[in-house]
């Protein structure tokens, strides 16, 4: 990391730094999504991609994608990273089988794995449904991405499926990733479809 870009290692939280395998790749499409997400700040995106020596249109090492979001968080604040997650998931095309918020929350893991070229969960973490009822779900995020980004993912899904009047909250915030933990749990409540 440091050989590619000085200061990147220190920008990552301690619980993530040494957990990012160098050989794991993320889809080249992630660069397009990253750029589109921060389209109001094109220079920021250009500078980050240059700093990370990432060529657009090429698959990129997952650590670079994760680092890019942490660097945005450091440079312009966690709200921008939350909004990025929300924007991606509230505007992405969903498969026809995803008709409800429960479907979308369950699909989060599939979308994550596809975005990371089906790398095993043991290498990249993931999203899992811890419990589910007719009007609530507990979703656990064990990815290395910023906690604020992941909260945006949940918020974006809630926004996309707003007709079910969803609400979410972080469970046990004192053990979440932003507090130094390795996972973050969200409870999402909604009107059954």
C-alpha atoms as a PDB file:
ATOM      1  CA  UNK A   1       0.000   0.000   0.000  1.00  0.00           C
ATOM      2  CA  UNK A   2       2.580   2.517   1.088  1.00  0.00           C
ATOM      3  CA  UNK A   3       4.685   1.714  -1.985  1.00  0.00           C
ATOM      4  CA  UNK A   4       1.758   2.792  -4.164  1.00  0.00           C
ATOM      5  CA  UNK A   5       0.591   5.764  -2.137  1.00  0.00           C
ATOM      6  CA  UNK A   6       2.169   7.198   0.982  1.00  0.00           C
ATOM      7  CA  UNK A   7      -0.273   7.700   3.840  1.00  0.00           C
ATOM      8  CA  UNK A   8      -2.909   5.240   2.638  1.00  0.00           C
ATOM      9  CA  UNK A   9      -2.116   2.657   5.300  1.00  0.00           C
ATOM     10  CA  UNK A  10      -2.561   5.230   8.067  1.00  0.00           C
ATOM     11  CA  UNK A  11      -5.881   6.406   6.581  1.00  0.00           C
ATOM     12  CA  UNK A  12      -7.354   2.940   7.110  1.00  0.00           C
ATOM     13  CA  UNK A  13      -8.737   1.932  10.513  1.00  0.00           C
ATOM     14  CA  UNK A  14      -6.587  -0.515  12.464  1.00  0.00           C
ATOM     15  CA  UNK A  15      -9.170  -3.312  12.186  1.00  0.00           C
ATOM     16  CA  UNK A  16      -9.088  -3.054   8.364  1.00  0.00           C
ATOM     17  CA  UNK A  17      -5.447  -2.286   7.474  1.00  0.00           C
ATOM     18  CA  UNK A  18      -4.014  -5.762   7.527  1.00  0.00           C
ATOM     19  CA  UNK A  19      -7.220  -7.518   6.530  1.00  0.00           C
ATOM     20  CA  UNK A  20      -7.193  -6.416   2.883  1.00  0.00           C
ATOM     21  CA  UNK A  21      -5.648  -9.139   0.731  1.00  0.00           C
ATOM     22  CA  UNK A  22      -3.470  -7.665  -2.017  1.00  0.00           C
ATOM     23  CA  UNK A  23      -4.541 -10.206  -4.642  1.00  0.00           C
ATOM     24  CA  UNK A  24      -8.323  -9.689  -4.374  1.00  0.00           C
ATOM     25  CA  UNK A  25      -9.742  -7.701  -7.274  1.00  0.00           C
ATOM     26  CA  UNK A  26     -12.900  -5.616  -7.599  1.00  0.00           C
ATOM     27  CA  UNK A  27     -14.820  -5.143 -10.836  1.00  0.00           C
ATOM     28  CA  UNK A  28     -13.638  -2.441 -13.246  1.00  0.00           C
ATOM     29  CA  UNK A  29     -17.219  -1.141 -13.153  1.00  0.00           C
ATOM     30  CA  UNK A  30     -16.546   0.067  -9.611  1.00  0.00           C
ATOM     31  CA  UNK A  31     -14.414   2.898 -11.019  1.00  0.00           C
ATOM     32  CA  UNK A  32     -17.393   4.090 -13.073  1.00  0.00           C
ATOM     33  CA  UNK A  33     -19.677   3.820 -10.059  1.00  0.00           C
ATOM     34  CA  UNK A  34     -17.141   5.643  -7.871  1.00  0.00           C
ATOM     35  CA  UNK A  35     -16.799   8.448 -10.427  1.00  0.00           C
ATOM     36  CA  UNK A  36     -20.568   8.755 -10.929  1.00  0.00           C
ATOM     37  CA  UNK A  37     -21.135   8.810  -7.176  1.00  0.00           C
ATOM     38  CA  UNK A  38     -18.811  11.767  -6.724  1.00  0.00           C
ATOM     39  CA  UNK A  39     -19.648  13.433 -10.060  1.00  0.00           C
ATOM     40  CA  UNK A  40     -19.894  16.866  -8.436  1.00  0.00           C
ATOM     41  CA  UNK A  41     -16.234  16.519  -7.407  1.00  0.00           C
ATOM     42  CA  UNK A  42     -14.473  15.267 -10.552  1.00  0.00           C
ATOM     43  CA  UNK A  43     -11.094  16.618  -9.466  1.00  0.00           C
ATOM     44  CA  UNK A  44     -11.315  14.695  -6.200  1.00  0.00           C
ATOM     45  CA  UNK A  45     -11.918  11.470  -8.135  1.00  0.00           C
ATOM     46  CA  UNK A  46      -9.094  12.216 -10.589  1.00  0.00           C
ATOM     47  CA  UNK A  47      -6.700  12.956  -7.730  1.00  0.00           C
ATOM     48  CA  UNK A  48      -7.653   9.820  -5.786  1.00  0.00           C
ATOM     49  CA  UNK A  49      -7.338   7.541  -8.801  1.00  0.00           C
ATOM     50  CA  UNK A  50      -3.956   9.079  -9.619  1.00  0.00           C
ATOM     51  CA  UNK A  51      -2.805   8.804  -6.002  1.00  0.00           C
ATOM     52  CA  UNK A  52      -3.789   5.136  -5.930  1.00  0.00           C
ATOM     53  CA  UNK A  53      -2.342   4.561  -9.423  1.00  0.00           C
ATOM     54  CA  UNK A  54      -5.630   3.119 -10.587  1.00  0.00           C
ATOM     55  CA  UNK A  55      -6.323   3.021 -14.323  1.00  0.00           C
ATOM     56  CA  UNK A  56      -9.999   3.460 -15.137  1.00  0.00           C
ATOM     57  CA  UNK A  57     -11.529   0.590 -17.065  1.00  0.00           C
ATOM     58  CA  UNK A  58      -9.286  -1.962 -15.351  1.00  0.00           C
ATOM     59  CA  UNK A  59     -10.207  -4.224 -12.465  1.00  0.00           C
ATOM     60  CA  UNK A  60      -8.692  -2.782  -9.351  1.00  0.00           C
ATOM     61  CA  UNK A  61      -7.282  -4.334  -6.261  1.00  0.00           C
ATOM     62  CA  UNK A  62      -9.980  -4.290  -3.618  1.00  0.00           C
ATOM     63  CA  UNK A  63      -7.668  -2.529  -1.176  1.00  0.00           C
ATOM     64  CA  UNK A  64      -7.535   0.461  -3.542  1.00  0.00           C
ATOM     65  CA  UNK A  65     -11.329   0.684  -3.736  1.00  0.00           C
ATOM     66  CA  UNK A  66     -11.660   0.411   0.045  1.00  0.00           C
ATOM     67  CA  UNK A  67      -8.860   2.955   0.513  1.00  0.00           C
ATOM     68  CA  UNK A  68     -10.531   5.361  -1.926  1.00  0.00           C
ATOM     69  CA  UNK A  69     -13.650   5.526   0.262  1.00  0.00           C
ATOM     70  CA  UNK A  70     -11.607   5.988   3.447  1.00  0.00           C
ATOM     71  CA  UNK A  71      -9.573   8.733   1.761  1.00  0.00           C
ATOM     72  CA  UNK A  72     -12.799  10.513   0.750  1.00  0.00           C
ATOM     73  CA  UNK A  73     -13.960  10.204   4.353  1.00  0.00           C
ATOM     74  CA  UNK A  74     -10.697  11.754   5.583  1.00  0.00           C
ATOM     75  CA  UNK A  75     -10.646  14.525   2.957  1.00  0.00           C
ATOM     76  CA  UNK A  76     -14.260  15.687   2.889  1.00  0.00           C
ATOM     77  CA  UNK A  77     -16.031  13.947   5.762  1.00  0.00           C
ATOM     78  CA  UNK A  78     -18.075  10.895   6.602  1.00  0.00           C
ATOM     79  CA  UNK A  79     -21.355  12.421   5.396  1.00  0.00           C
ATOM     80  CA  UNK A  80     -20.062  12.320   1.826  1.00  0.00           C
ATOM     81  CA  UNK A  81     -19.295   8.615   2.173  1.00  0.00           C
ATOM     82  CA  UNK A  82     -22.738   7.920   3.668  1.00  0.00           C
ATOM     83  CA  UNK A  83     -24.340   9.801   0.779  1.00  0.00           C
ATOM     84  CA  UNK A  84     -22.231   7.790  -1.681  1.00  0.00           C
ATOM     85  CA  UNK A  85     -23.546   4.485  -0.343  1.00  0.00           C
ATOM     86  CA  UNK A  86     -27.079   5.834  -0.350  1.00  0.00           C
ATOM     87  CA  UNK A  87     -26.806   7.146  -3.884  1.00  0.00           C
ATOM     88  CA  UNK A  88     -25.407   3.898  -5.270  1.00  0.00           C
ATOM     89  CA  UNK A  89     -28.076   1.677  -3.743  1.00  0.00           C
ATOM     90  CA  UNK A  90     -31.048   3.992  -4.256  1.00  0.00           C
ATOM     91  CA  UNK A  91     -30.340   4.356  -7.982  1.00  0.00           C
ATOM     92  CA  UNK A  92     -28.877   0.987  -9.004  1.00  0.00           C
ATOM     93  CA  UNK A  93     -30.934  -1.288 -11.238  1.00  0.00           C
ATOM     94  CA  UNK A  94     -32.378  -4.174  -9.272  1.00  0.00           C
ATOM     95  CA  UNK A  95     -33.082  -7.592 -10.794  1.00  0.00           C
ATOM     96  CA  UNK A  96     -36.768  -8.298 -11.483  1.00  0.00           C
ATOM     97  CA  UNK A  97     -36.835 -10.826  -8.645  1.00  0.00           C
ATOM     98  CA  UNK A  98     -36.185  -8.033  -6.118  1.00  0.00           C
ATOM     99  CA  UNK A  99     -39.665  -6.679  -5.432  1.00  0.00           C
ATOM    100  CA  UNK A 100     -39.612  -5.777  -1.729  1.00  0.00           C
ATOM    101  CA  UNK A 101     -37.234  -4.257   0.766  1.00  0.00           C
ATOM    102  CA  UNK A 102     -36.706  -7.706   2.300  1.00  0.00           C
ATOM    103  CA  UNK A 103     -35.681  -9.025  -1.131  1.00  0.00           C
ATOM    104  CA  UNK A 104     -33.280  -6.094  -1.556  1.00  0.00           C
ATOM    105  CA  UNK A 105     -31.712  -6.538   1.868  1.00  0.00           C
ATOM    106  CA  UNK A 106     -31.174 -10.237   1.170  1.00  0.00           C
ATOM    107  CA  UNK A 107     -29.732  -9.347  -2.265  1.00  0.00           C
ATOM    108  CA  UNK A 108     -27.102  -7.039  -0.741  1.00  0.00           C
ATOM    109  CA  UNK A 109     -24.719  -9.980  -0.297  1.00  0.00           C
ATOM    110  CA  UNK A 110     -25.149 -11.072  -3.934  1.00  0.00           C
ATOM    111  CA  UNK A 111     -24.509  -7.542  -5.213  1.00  0.00           C
ATOM    112  CA  UNK A 112     -21.422  -7.289  -3.002  1.00  0.00           C
ATOM    113  CA  UNK A 113     -19.992 -10.602  -4.225  1.00  0.00           C
ATOM    114  CA  UNK A 114     -20.632  -9.722  -7.883  1.00  0.00           C
ATOM    115  CA  UNK A 115     -18.928  -6.364  -7.424  1.00  0.00           C
ATOM    116  CA  UNK A 116     -15.897  -8.199  -6.047  1.00  0.00           C
ATOM    117  CA  UNK A 117     -15.763 -10.827  -8.791  1.00  0.00           C
ATOM    118  CA  UNK A 118     -17.218 -13.596  -6.612  1.00  0.00           C
ATOM    119  CA  UNK A 119     -14.263 -13.682  -4.261  1.00  0.00           C
ATOM    120  CA  UNK A 120     -14.989 -15.911  -1.246  1.00  0.00           C
ATOM    121  CA  UNK A 121     -16.513 -14.223   1.792  1.00  0.00           C
ATOM    122  CA  UNK A 122     -13.593 -15.506   3.856  1.00  0.00           C
ATOM    123  CA  UNK A 123     -11.342 -13.083   1.938  1.00  0.00           C
ATOM    124  CA  UNK A 124     -13.606 -10.031   1.549  1.00  0.00           C
ATOM    125  CA  UNK A 125     -16.238 -10.162   4.264  1.00  0.00           C
ATOM    126  CA  UNK A 126     -19.863  -9.670   3.363  1.00  0.00           C
ATOM    127  CA  UNK A 127     -23.426  -8.952   4.374  1.00  0.00           C
ATOM    128  CA  UNK A 128     -25.587 -11.516   6.131  1.00  0.00           C
ATOM    129  CA  UNK A 129     -29.129 -11.688   7.378  1.00  0.00           C
ATOM    130  CA  UNK A 130     -28.926 -12.416  11.094  1.00  0.00           C
ATOM    131  CA  UNK A 131     -32.672 -12.617  11.659  1.00  0.00           C
ATOM    132  CA  UNK A 132     -35.823 -11.904   9.719  1.00  0.00           C
ATOM    133  CA  UNK A 133     -39.496 -11.496  10.478  1.00  0.00           C
ATOM    134  CA  UNK A 134     -42.468 -10.275   8.443  1.00  0.00           C
ATOM    135  CA  UNK A 135     -41.793  -6.615   9.299  1.00  0.00           C
ATOM    136  CA  UNK A 136     -38.127  -6.479  10.349  1.00  0.00           C
ATOM    137  CA  UNK A 137     -34.693  -7.745   9.492  1.00  0.00           C
ATOM    138  CA  UNK A 138     -31.298  -7.594  11.162  1.00  0.00           C
ATOM    139  CA  UNK A 139     -28.536  -7.237   8.592  1.00  0.00           C
ATOM    140  CA  UNK A 140     -24.879  -7.626   9.559  1.00  0.00           C
ATOM    141  CA  UNK A 141     -22.159  -5.859   7.602  1.00  0.00           C
ATOM    142  CA  UNK A 142     -18.748  -7.520   7.860  1.00  0.00           C
ATOM    143  CA  UNK A 143     -17.138  -5.757   4.900  1.00  0.00           C
ATOM    144  CA  UNK A 144     -13.962  -3.669   5.188  1.00  0.00           C
ATOM    145  CA  UNK A 145     -15.622  -0.551   3.729  1.00  0.00           C
ATOM    146  CA  UNK A 146     -16.211   2.504   5.918  1.00  0.00           C
ATOM    147  CA  UNK A 147     -19.076   2.029   8.353  1.00  0.00           C
ATOM    148  CA  UNK A 148     -20.571   5.295   7.120  1.00  0.00           C
ATOM    149  CA  UNK A 149     -20.574   3.969   3.538  1.00  0.00           C
ATOM    150  CA  UNK A 150     -22.363   0.801   4.642  1.00  0.00           C
ATOM    151  CA  UNK A 151     -24.915   2.852   6.549  1.00  0.00           C
ATOM    152  CA  UNK A 152     -25.506   4.682   3.273  1.00  0.00           C
ATOM    153  CA  UNK A 153     -26.090   1.328   1.564  1.00  0.00           C
ATOM    154  CA  UNK A 154     -28.846   0.522   4.070  1.00  0.00           C
ATOM    155  CA  UNK A 155     -30.272   4.057   3.763  1.00  0.00           C
ATOM    156  CA  UNK A 156     -30.246   3.781  -0.040  1.00  0.00           C
ATOM    157  CA  UNK A 157     -32.171   0.523   0.036  1.00  0.00           C
ATOM    158  CA  UNK A 158     -34.679   2.100   2.427  1.00  0.00           C
ATOM    159  CA  UNK A 159     -35.040   5.066   0.080  1.00  0.00           C
ATOM    160  CA  UNK A 160     -35.516   2.855  -2.980  1.00  0.00           C
ATOM    161  CA  UNK A 161     -38.246   0.871  -1.228  1.00  0.00           C
ATOM    162  CA  UNK A 162     -39.808   3.826   0.602  1.00  0.00           C
ATOM    163  CA  UNK A 163     -43.347   2.636  -0.178  1.00  0.00           C
ATOM    164  CA  UNK A 164     -42.854   0.110   2.648  1.00  0.00           C
ATOM    165  CA  UNK A 165     -41.996   2.950   5.060  1.00  0.00           C
ATOM    166  CA  UNK A 166     -38.706   1.484   6.243  1.00  0.00           C
ATOM    167  CA  UNK A 167     -36.650   2.726   9.154  1.00  0.00           C
ATOM    168  CA  UNK A 168     -33.243   1.519  10.205  1.00  0.00           C
ATOM    169  CA  UNK A 169     -30.938   1.873  13.158  1.00  0.00           C
ATOM    170  CA  UNK A 170     -27.492   0.660  14.082  1.00  0.00           C
ATOM    171  CA  UNK A 171     -27.603  -1.927  16.827  1.00  0.00           C
ATOM    172  CA  UNK A 172     -24.887  -1.866  19.501  1.00  0.00           C
ATOM    173  CA  UNK A 173     -23.187   1.264  18.097  1.00  0.00           C
ATOM    174  CA  UNK A 174     -20.392   0.936  20.674  1.00  0.00           C
ATOM    175  CA  UNK A 175     -19.224  -2.277  18.942  1.00  0.00           C
ATOM    176  CA  UNK A 176     -19.752  -1.163  15.325  1.00  0.00           C
ATOM    177  CA  UNK A 177     -16.893  -0.712  12.885  1.00  0.00           C
ATOM    178  CA  UNK A 178     -16.809   3.048  13.385  1.00  0.00           C
ATOM    179  CA  UNK A 179     -16.157   2.324  17.074  1.00  0.00           C
ATOM    180  CA  UNK A 180     -13.323  -0.093  16.222  1.00  0.00           C
ATOM    181  CA  UNK A 181     -15.317  -3.307  15.779  1.00  0.00           C
ATOM    182  CA  UNK A 182     -15.207  -5.687  12.831  1.00  0.00           C
ATOM    183  CA  UNK A 183     -18.920  -5.667  12.012  1.00  0.00           C
ATOM    184  CA  UNK A 184     -21.942  -3.406  12.168  1.00  0.00           C
ATOM    185  CA  UNK A 185     -25.490  -4.627  12.748  1.00  0.00           C
ATOM    186  CA  UNK A 186     -28.550  -2.829  11.404  1.00  0.00           C
ATOM    187  CA  UNK A 187     -32.165  -3.379  12.308  1.00  0.00           C
ATOM    188  CA  UNK A 188     -34.522  -2.454   9.490  1.00  0.00           C
ATOM    189  CA  UNK A 189     -38.262  -2.278  10.161  1.00  0.00           C
ATOM    190  CA  UNK A 190     -40.880  -1.905   7.435  1.00  0.00           C
ATOM    191  CA  UNK A 191     -44.469  -2.514   6.436  1.00  0.00           C
ATOM    192  CA  UNK A 192     -44.729  -6.044   5.014  1.00  0.00           C
ATOM    193  CA  UNK A 193     -45.288  -6.178   1.250  1.00  0.00           C
END
